[in-house]
Amino acid sequence: MLRLRSCILSNFLSSPGLPLHRLLSAVAPALSPIPSFAVEEYLVDTCGLARPKALKASPKLSHLKSPTNPDAVLTFLAGLGLSTADVAAIVARDPLFLCASVDRTLAPNVVGLSGLGLGLSNTEIARIVSLAPDKFRCRLVVSSLRYYLPLFGSFENLLRPLKFNTKLLSCNLERVVKPNIAFLQECGLRVCDIAKLGIAVPRMLTTDLERLRAFVACAQRVGAPLGSPMFRHALRAVAFLSEEKIAARVEFLKKTCRWSNAEVGIAVSKSPALLASSEDKLQRTSGFLISEVGLVPAYTAHRPAVLLYSLEGRLRPRYYVIKFLKANGFLDLDRDYYTAVVVTEKVFVENYICPHKEAAPHLAEDYADACTWY
């Protein structure tokens, strides 16, 4: 094309007396620009993005010169059973997914994850793509899922941490994830415990090893020795909390629950989740237990799990039932409130509601109303 343009210009320039406007008119067709690919319009008209999202995504795709590859990617996504809305969400989340190679990356990933690979269905693969499109356009996703599926035990269990940390699919298994898991096993955690920890705090598996060691040391300092039943819960509670925040929470617990230094130490060692629970919830629950139920600080310090139950769904309704039964002589006055709180809903109803159906016919209805009222 450049040689053609040069020849045309040479011929016209060598023609004596040719008017300038005729020269420009003759050369214009050869110099007309090639129509460019309207990325923003493609995102709106073909991918279904809203105009503001298309405007935000289009700069990342400015290098595209034609819809050939994006069309192939859209066909691939449709083949997985993804809806138009799903596709729009994927493209908005990761515009560069439209640049992925179907033949070299996307299709081989599907083969590796389905059939004789990991046995995932198209629906399951589509959910992975929707959650982590940027990770799926890399071949590493197959080896990552091959490792995590047995660890978490099921596809549904795997989805739970992926919703909060898609880095699981790109983090280096050999240098980061496997050493972290090996260290946690050295700390006395079983694989099933590590899986539960990974579901609750997904970043625990992808953080650097030194930071993980610091979390373990912190869990020990709050009263959960390695190998103890509370160690995993303590590790979950203190993960990614600074020493300053933990100290501040301890002071908050002492003030709110009216505990001494010794009592707060006992409570935290028994229920490390207190360190991560909502301050508003703890304040309301503690206020109810102290002011209305009449529990003394030492009582809750040795039974701190009571502070973690739902105030509206469990503590308050059950208290009303116990109070009614004691007031009407259906229950011994010395019956412990905590024993009524820790049992399951089914056991509570069987032990505290059903035996009094004839003597207190409205008790079951009143209890159900109390559970939904607040």
Protein backbone atom coordinates (compact mmCIF):
# COMPACT_ATOMS: atom_id res chain seq x y z
CA MET A 1 0.00 0.00 0.00
CA LEU A 2 2.85 2.39 0.83
CA ARG A 3 4.55 1.65 -2.51
CA LEU A 4 1.25 2.35 -4.32
CA ARG A 5 0.82 5.66 -2.54
CA SER A 6 4.45 6.60 -3.35
CA CYS A 7 3.96 5.78 -7.05
CA ILE A 8 0.77 7.84 -7.26
CA LEU A 9 2.42 10.82 -5.62
CA SER A 10 5.49 10.50 -7.89
CA ASN A 11 3.42 10.41 -11.09
CA PHE A 12 1.32 13.39 -10.13
CA LEU A 13 4.23 15.46 -8.93
CA SER A 14 6.07 14.87 -12.21
CA SER A 15 3.05 16.04 -14.24
CA PRO A 16 3.69 19.70 -15.17
CA GLY A 17 0.97 22.28 -14.65
CA LEU A 18 -1.42 19.94 -12.74
CA PRO A 19 -3.62 22.02 -10.40
CA LEU A 20 -3.11 21.36 -6.68
CA HIS A 21 -6.80 20.61 -5.99
CA ARG A 22 -6.84 17.91 -8.68
CA LEU A 23 -3.68 16.40 -7.17
CA LEU A 24 -5.24 16.21 -3.70
CA SER A 25 -8.49 14.87 -5.10
CA ALA A 26 -6.74 12.03 -6.89
CA VAL A 27 -4.54 11.06 -3.95
CA ALA A 28 -7.32 11.19 -1.29
CA PRO A 29 -8.81 7.71 -1.90
CA ALA A 30 -5.42 6.04 -1.46
CA LEU A 31 -4.80 7.89 1.84
CA SER A 32 -8.24 7.38 3.47
CA PRO A 33 -7.92 5.81 6.97
CA ILE A 34 -9.04 2.26 7.71
CA PRO A 35 -12.18 2.26 9.88
CA SER A 36 -11.26 1.57 13.54
CA PHE A 37 -12.96 -0.95 15.85
CA ALA A 38 -15.49 0.90 18.04
CA VAL A 39 -14.70 -0.82 21.36
CA GLU A 40 -17.14 1.13 23.51
CA GLU A 41 -20.05 0.46 21.16
CA TYR A 42 -19.11 -3.22 21.01
CA LEU A 43 -19.17 -3.45 24.80
CA VAL A 44 -22.61 -1.87 24.91
CA ASP A 45 -24.28 -3.44 21.86
CA THR A 46 -22.69 -6.90 21.86
CA CYS A 47 -21.56 -7.53 25.46
CA GLY A 48 -24.51 -5.87 27.17
CA LEU A 49 -22.56 -3.45 29.37
CA ALA A 50 -24.20 -0.27 30.60
CA ARG A 51 -22.69 2.81 29.01
CA PRO A 52 -20.78 3.98 32.15
CA LYS A 53 -19.19 0.53 32.59
CA ALA A 54 -18.35 0.34 28.90
CA LEU A 55 -16.73 3.75 29.10
CA LYS A 56 -14.64 2.58 32.06
CA ALA A 57 -13.63 -0.70 30.40
CA SER A 58 -12.90 0.50 26.86
CA PRO A 59 -9.43 2.03 27.54
CA LYS A 60 -8.17 -1.44 28.52
CA LEU A 61 -9.23 -2.72 25.10
CA SER A 62 -8.05 0.20 22.98
CA HIS A 63 -5.47 -2.03 21.28
CA LEU A 64 -8.15 -4.23 19.70
CA LYS A 65 -8.51 -3.65 15.97
CA SER A 66 -11.39 -6.03 15.23
CA PRO A 67 -14.12 -8.01 17.02
CA THR A 68 -12.71 -11.37 15.91
CA ASN A 69 -11.21 -12.47 19.22
CA PRO A 70 -13.93 -10.94 21.44
CA ASP A 71 -16.56 -12.71 19.31
CA ALA A 72 -14.77 -16.02 19.86
CA VAL A 73 -14.65 -15.40 23.63
CA LEU A 74 -18.36 -14.57 23.75
CA THR A 75 -19.14 -17.76 21.87
CA PHE A 76 -17.01 -19.67 24.38
CA LEU A 77 -18.88 -18.14 27.33
CA ALA A 78 -22.23 -18.90 25.77
CA GLY A 79 -21.10 -22.50 25.34
CA LEU A 80 -20.62 -22.74 29.11
CA GLY A 81 -24.24 -21.74 29.57
CA LEU A 82 -23.61 -18.23 30.85
CA SER A 83 -26.47 -15.78 30.37
CA THR A 84 -26.19 -12.37 28.75
CA ALA A 85 -26.20 -10.77 32.21
CA ASP A 86 -23.46 -13.14 33.38
CA VAL A 87 -21.31 -12.31 30.36
CA ALA A 88 -21.79 -8.58 30.89
CA ALA A 89 -20.72 -8.97 34.54
CA ILE A 90 -17.61 -10.94 33.54
CA VAL A 91 -16.55 -8.41 30.93
CA ALA A 92 -17.19 -5.49 33.27
CA ARG A 93 -15.13 -7.18 35.99
CA ASP A 94 -12.29 -8.20 33.68
CA PRO A 95 -12.38 -6.49 30.25
CA LEU A 96 -9.15 -8.25 29.23
CA PHE A 97 -11.03 -11.55 29.27
CA LEU A 98 -12.13 -10.58 25.75
CA CYS A 99 -8.48 -10.74 24.71
CA ALA A 100 -7.88 -14.28 26.00
CA SER A 101 -7.13 -16.99 23.46
CA VAL A 102 -9.92 -19.53 23.24
CA ASP A 103 -7.72 -22.11 21.50
CA ARG A 104 -4.58 -21.72 23.61
CA THR A 105 -6.04 -20.98 27.06
CA LEU A 106 -9.78 -21.01 27.65
CA ALA A 107 -10.71 -24.23 25.88
CA PRO A 108 -7.71 -26.18 27.31
CA ASN A 109 -8.70 -24.99 30.79
CA VAL A 110 -12.18 -26.40 30.30
CA VAL A 111 -10.72 -29.71 29.13
CA GLY A 112 -8.46 -29.81 32.18
CA LEU A 113 -11.31 -29.11 34.57
CA SER A 114 -14.02 -31.28 33.03
CA GLY A 115 -14.47 -34.88 31.94
CA LEU A 116 -11.35 -36.92 32.60
CA GLY A 117 -9.70 -33.86 34.17
CA LEU A 118 -11.26 -32.86 37.47
CA GLY A 119 -14.78 -33.88 36.54
CA LEU A 120 -16.32 -30.43 36.87
CA SER A 121 -19.49 -29.72 34.91
CA ASN A 122 -19.90 -26.76 32.56
CA THR A 123 -22.12 -25.13 35.19
CA GLU A 124 -19.40 -25.44 37.83
CA ILE A 125 -16.73 -24.17 35.44
CA ALA A 126 -18.99 -21.23 34.57
CA ARG A 127 -19.18 -20.34 38.28
CA ILE A 128 -15.39 -20.30 38.48
CA VAL A 129 -15.23 -18.03 35.43
CA SER A 130 -17.79 -15.67 36.96
CA LEU A 131 -15.93 -15.50 40.27
CA ALA A 132 -12.42 -15.18 38.89
CA PRO A 133 -12.35 -14.33 35.17
CA ASP A 134 -8.86 -12.82 35.40
CA LYS A 135 -7.56 -16.07 36.91
CA PHE A 136 -9.35 -18.29 34.41
CA ARG A 137 -7.57 -16.71 31.46
CA CYS A 138 -4.34 -18.20 32.82
CA ARG A 139 -3.39 -21.87 32.52
CA LEU A 140 -2.38 -21.97 36.19
CA VAL A 141 -6.04 -22.26 37.20
CA VAL A 142 -6.16 -25.99 36.39
CA SER A 143 -3.26 -27.00 38.63
CA SER A 144 -4.57 -24.73 41.41
CA LEU A 145 -8.02 -26.29 41.37
CA ARG A 146 -6.49 -29.76 41.18
CA TYR A 147 -4.80 -29.00 44.50
CA TYR A 148 -7.63 -27.16 46.28
CA LEU A 149 -10.57 -29.44 45.50
CA PRO A 150 -9.27 -32.35 47.62
CA LEU A 151 -8.17 -29.92 50.33
CA PHE A 152 -11.58 -28.30 50.74
CA GLY A 153 -13.44 -31.54 50.15
CA SER A 154 -16.08 -30.35 47.69
CA PHE A 155 -16.70 -27.83 44.95
CA GLU A 156 -19.17 -25.88 47.12
CA ASN A 157 -16.65 -25.66 49.96
CA LEU A 158 -14.08 -24.33 47.49
CA LEU A 159 -16.41 -21.61 46.23
CA ARG A 160 -16.81 -20.13 49.70
CA PRO A 161 -13.19 -18.91 50.10
CA LEU A 162 -12.95 -18.02 46.41
CA LYS A 163 -15.74 -15.46 46.87
CA PHE A 164 -13.44 -13.52 49.19
CA ASN A 165 -9.98 -14.38 47.89
CA THR A 166 -9.56 -15.32 44.24
CA LYS A 167 -5.82 -15.01 44.79
CA LEU A 168 -6.01 -18.68 45.80
CA LEU A 169 -6.08 -19.50 42.08
CA SER A 170 -2.94 -17.54 41.22
CA CYS A 171 -0.82 -17.78 44.36
CA ASN A 172 2.28 -19.95 43.94
CA LEU A 173 1.46 -23.36 45.41
CA GLU A 174 5.04 -24.54 45.91
CA ARG A 175 6.48 -21.35 47.38
CA VAL A 176 3.51 -20.05 49.42
CA VAL A 177 0.45 -22.24 49.90
CA LYS A 178 2.04 -25.63 50.54
CA PRO A 179 4.63 -24.28 53.02
CA ASN A 180 1.83 -22.49 54.90
CA ILE A 181 -0.22 -25.66 55.12
CA ALA A 182 2.80 -27.69 56.19
CA PHE A 183 3.51 -25.17 58.96
CA LEU A 184 -0.09 -25.28 60.19
CA GLN A 185 0.14 -29.06 60.33
CA GLU A 186 3.29 -28.71 62.44
CA CYS A 187 1.18 -26.58 64.78
CA GLY A 188 -1.14 -29.52 65.35
CA LEU A 189 -3.92 -28.72 62.89
CA ARG A 190 -5.41 -31.52 60.83
CA VAL A 191 -6.10 -31.08 57.12
CA CYS A 192 -9.82 -30.75 57.83
CA ASP A 193 -9.05 -28.01 60.40
CA ILE A 194 -6.89 -26.19 57.87
CA ALA A 195 -9.68 -26.41 55.30
CA LYS A 196 -12.14 -24.86 57.79
CA LEU A 197 -9.60 -22.16 58.56
CA GLY A 198 -9.09 -21.54 54.83
CA ILE A 199 -12.85 -21.18 54.33
CA ALA A 200 -13.20 -18.75 57.24
CA VAL A 201 -10.03 -16.73 56.53
CA PRO A 202 -8.95 -17.47 52.92
CA ARG A 203 -6.02 -15.05 53.09
CA MET A 204 -4.48 -17.28 55.74
CA LEU A 205 -3.35 -19.69 53.01
CA THR A 206 -1.90 -17.05 50.69
CA THR A 207 -0.12 -14.79 53.17
CA ASP A 208 3.64 -15.03 53.57
CA LEU A 209 4.98 -17.64 55.99
CA GLU A 210 6.56 -15.15 58.40
CA ARG A 211 3.28 -13.36 58.83
CA LEU A 212 1.55 -16.69 59.46
CA ARG A 213 4.13 -17.47 62.15
CA ALA A 214 3.27 -14.15 63.79
CA PHE A 215 -0.44 -15.07 63.79
CA VAL A 216 0.34 -18.39 65.47
CA ALA A 217 2.45 -16.67 68.14
CA CYS A 218 -0.38 -14.22 68.76
CA ALA A 219 -2.92 -17.04 69.13
CA GLN A 220 -0.69 -18.62 71.74
CA ARG A 221 -0.38 -15.34 73.63
CA VAL A 222 -4.16 -15.02 73.99
CA GLY A 223 -4.27 -18.39 75.72
CA ALA A 224 -4.60 -21.03 73.00
CA PRO A 225 -1.64 -23.45 73.10
CA LEU A 226 -0.65 -25.41 69.99
CA GLY A 227 -2.78 -28.51 69.63
CA SER A 228 -5.51 -27.25 71.96
CA PRO A 229 -9.17 -27.37 70.88
CA MET A 230 -9.26 -23.56 70.88
CA PHE A 231 -6.11 -23.01 68.83
CA ARG A 232 -7.82 -22.95 65.43
CA HIS A 233 -10.50 -20.58 66.73
CA ALA A 234 -7.89 -18.31 68.26
CA LEU A 235 -5.88 -18.28 65.06
CA ARG A 236 -8.99 -17.35 63.11
CA ALA A 237 -9.82 -14.56 65.57
CA VAL A 238 -6.40 -12.89 65.65
CA ALA A 239 -5.48 -13.27 61.98
CA PHE A 240 -4.76 -9.89 60.38
CA LEU A 241 -5.43 -8.05 63.66
CA SER A 242 -2.63 -5.85 64.90
CA GLU A 243 -1.34 -6.09 68.47
CA GLU A 244 -2.82 -2.64 69.07
CA LYS A 245 -6.30 -3.72 67.98
CA ILE A 246 -6.16 -6.86 70.10
CA ALA A 247 -5.09 -4.84 73.14
CA ALA A 248 -7.89 -2.34 72.49
CA ARG A 249 -10.43 -5.15 72.23
CA VAL A 250 -9.26 -6.66 75.52
CA GLU A 251 -9.75 -3.29 77.22
CA PHE A 252 -13.19 -3.01 75.64
CA LEU A 253 -14.17 -6.45 76.97
CA LYS A 254 -12.95 -5.58 80.46
CA LYS A 255 -15.01 -2.39 80.51
CA THR A 256 -18.13 -3.75 78.81
CA CYS A 257 -18.36 -7.08 80.61
CA ARG A 258 -16.94 -5.69 83.87
CA TRP A 259 -14.19 -8.30 83.92
CA SER A 260 -10.92 -8.18 85.80
CA ASN A 261 -7.60 -8.87 84.08
CA ALA A 262 -7.79 -12.49 85.19
CA GLU A 263 -11.40 -12.86 84.06
CA VAL A 264 -10.82 -11.40 80.60
CA GLY A 265 -7.89 -13.79 80.20
CA ILE A 266 -10.11 -16.75 81.10
CA ALA A 267 -12.89 -15.58 78.77
CA VAL A 268 -10.65 -15.01 75.76
CA SER A 269 -8.87 -18.34 76.20
CA LYS A 270 -12.24 -20.12 76.28
CA SER A 271 -13.81 -18.11 73.42
CA PRO A 272 -11.17 -16.40 71.23
CA ALA A 273 -13.94 -15.31 68.87
CA LEU A 274 -14.67 -12.52 71.35
CA LEU A 275 -11.69 -10.72 69.84
CA ALA A 276 -13.34 -10.57 66.43
CA SER A 277 -17.00 -10.17 67.37
CA SER A 278 -18.87 -6.91 66.78
CA GLU A 279 -18.45 -4.41 69.57
CA ASP A 280 -22.07 -3.32 69.21
CA LYS A 281 -23.28 -6.92 69.57
CA LEU A 282 -21.06 -7.53 72.60
CA GLN A 283 -22.24 -4.34 74.24
CA ARG A 284 -25.94 -5.09 73.75
CA THR A 285 -25.60 -8.73 74.77
CA SER A 286 -23.54 -7.99 77.85
CA GLY A 287 -25.96 -5.27 78.91
CA PHE A 288 -28.89 -7.70 78.64
CA LEU A 289 -27.13 -10.48 80.56
CA ILE A 290 -26.03 -8.17 83.38
CA SER A 291 -29.05 -5.86 83.69
CA GLU A 292 -31.97 -8.12 82.82
CA VAL A 293 -30.83 -11.69 83.43
CA GLY A 294 -28.75 -10.66 86.43
CA LEU A 295 -25.59 -12.61 85.62
CA VAL A 296 -22.47 -11.55 87.48
CA PRO A 297 -19.21 -10.86 85.58
CA ALA A 298 -17.47 -13.96 86.91
CA TYR A 299 -20.31 -16.12 85.58
CA THR A 300 -19.96 -14.88 81.98
CA ALA A 301 -16.16 -14.92 82.18
CA HIS A 302 -16.25 -18.68 82.75
CA ARG A 303 -19.04 -19.14 80.15
CA PRO A 304 -18.04 -16.54 77.51
CA ALA A 305 -19.75 -18.42 74.67
CA VAL A 306 -23.03 -16.97 75.95
CA LEU A 307 -21.91 -13.58 74.60
CA LEU A 308 -21.61 -14.95 71.09
CA TYR A 309 -25.18 -16.25 70.76
CA SER A 310 -27.86 -14.21 69.06
CA LEU A 311 -29.51 -11.85 71.51
CA GLU A 312 -32.75 -11.63 69.53
CA GLY A 313 -32.90 -15.18 68.20
CA ARG A 314 -31.80 -17.12 71.28
CA LEU A 315 -30.83 -15.36 74.51
CA ARG A 316 -33.84 -13.11 75.05
CA PRO A 317 -36.64 -15.52 73.93
CA ARG A 318 -35.21 -18.39 75.99
CA TYR A 319 -34.81 -16.16 79.01
CA TYR A 320 -38.50 -15.25 78.84
CA VAL A 321 -39.45 -18.93 78.73
CA ILE A 322 -37.23 -19.79 81.71
CA LYS A 323 -38.54 -16.79 83.64
CA PHE A 324 -42.16 -17.81 82.96
CA LEU A 325 -41.59 -21.43 83.93
CA LYS A 326 -39.87 -20.50 87.19
CA ALA A 327 -42.51 -17.90 88.06
CA ASN A 328 -45.28 -20.49 87.63
CA GLY A 329 -43.56 -23.28 89.45
CA PHE A 330 -42.85 -25.40 86.36
CA LEU A 331 -39.11 -25.18 86.78
CA ASP A 332 -36.76 -25.25 89.74
CA LEU A 333 -35.63 -21.78 90.75
CA ASP A 334 -32.01 -22.90 90.75
CA ARG A 335 -32.12 -24.20 87.14
CA ASP A 336 -29.12 -22.66 85.38
CA TYR A 337 -29.90 -20.22 82.57
CA TYR A 338 -26.78 -21.22 80.65
CA THR A 339 -27.91 -24.85 80.36
CA ALA A 340 -31.01 -23.63 78.53
CA VAL A 341 -28.97 -21.43 76.21
CA VAL A 342 -26.32 -23.86 74.98
CA VAL A 343 -28.68 -26.62 73.78
CA THR A 344 -29.95 -26.76 70.21
CA GLU A 345 -33.32 -25.33 69.27
CA LYS A 346 -34.81 -28.81 68.96
CA VAL A 347 -33.60 -29.86 72.42
CA PHE A 348 -34.78 -26.60 73.99
CA VAL A 349 -38.28 -27.02 72.62
CA GLU A 350 -38.41 -30.68 73.69
CA ASN A 351 -37.19 -29.94 77.23
CA TYR A 352 -38.73 -26.57 78.00
CA ILE A 353 -41.79 -26.14 75.76
CA CYS A 354 -43.35 -29.52 74.98
CA PRO A 355 -43.67 -30.78 78.59
CA HIS A 356 -45.92 -27.81 79.42
CA LYS A 357 -48.31 -27.85 76.46
CA GLU A 358 -51.35 -28.59 78.61
CA ALA A 359 -50.48 -26.38 81.58
CA ALA A 360 -49.26 -23.49 79.38
CA PRO A 361 -50.91 -23.93 75.95
CA HIS A 362 -49.78 -20.53 74.68
CA LEU A 363 -46.13 -20.94 75.65
CA ALA A 364 -45.04 -22.39 72.30
CA GLU A 365 -46.74 -19.61 70.37
CA ASP A 366 -45.39 -16.90 72.66
CA TYR A 367 -41.87 -18.31 72.33
CA ALA A 368 -42.10 -18.41 68.53
CA ASP A 369 -43.35 -14.81 68.51
CA ALA A 370 -40.50 -13.72 70.77
CA CYS A 371 -37.96 -15.29 68.39
CA THR A 372 -39.28 -13.26 65.45
CA TRP A 373 -40.32 -10.06 67.23
CA TYR A 374 -36.91 -8.47 67.75
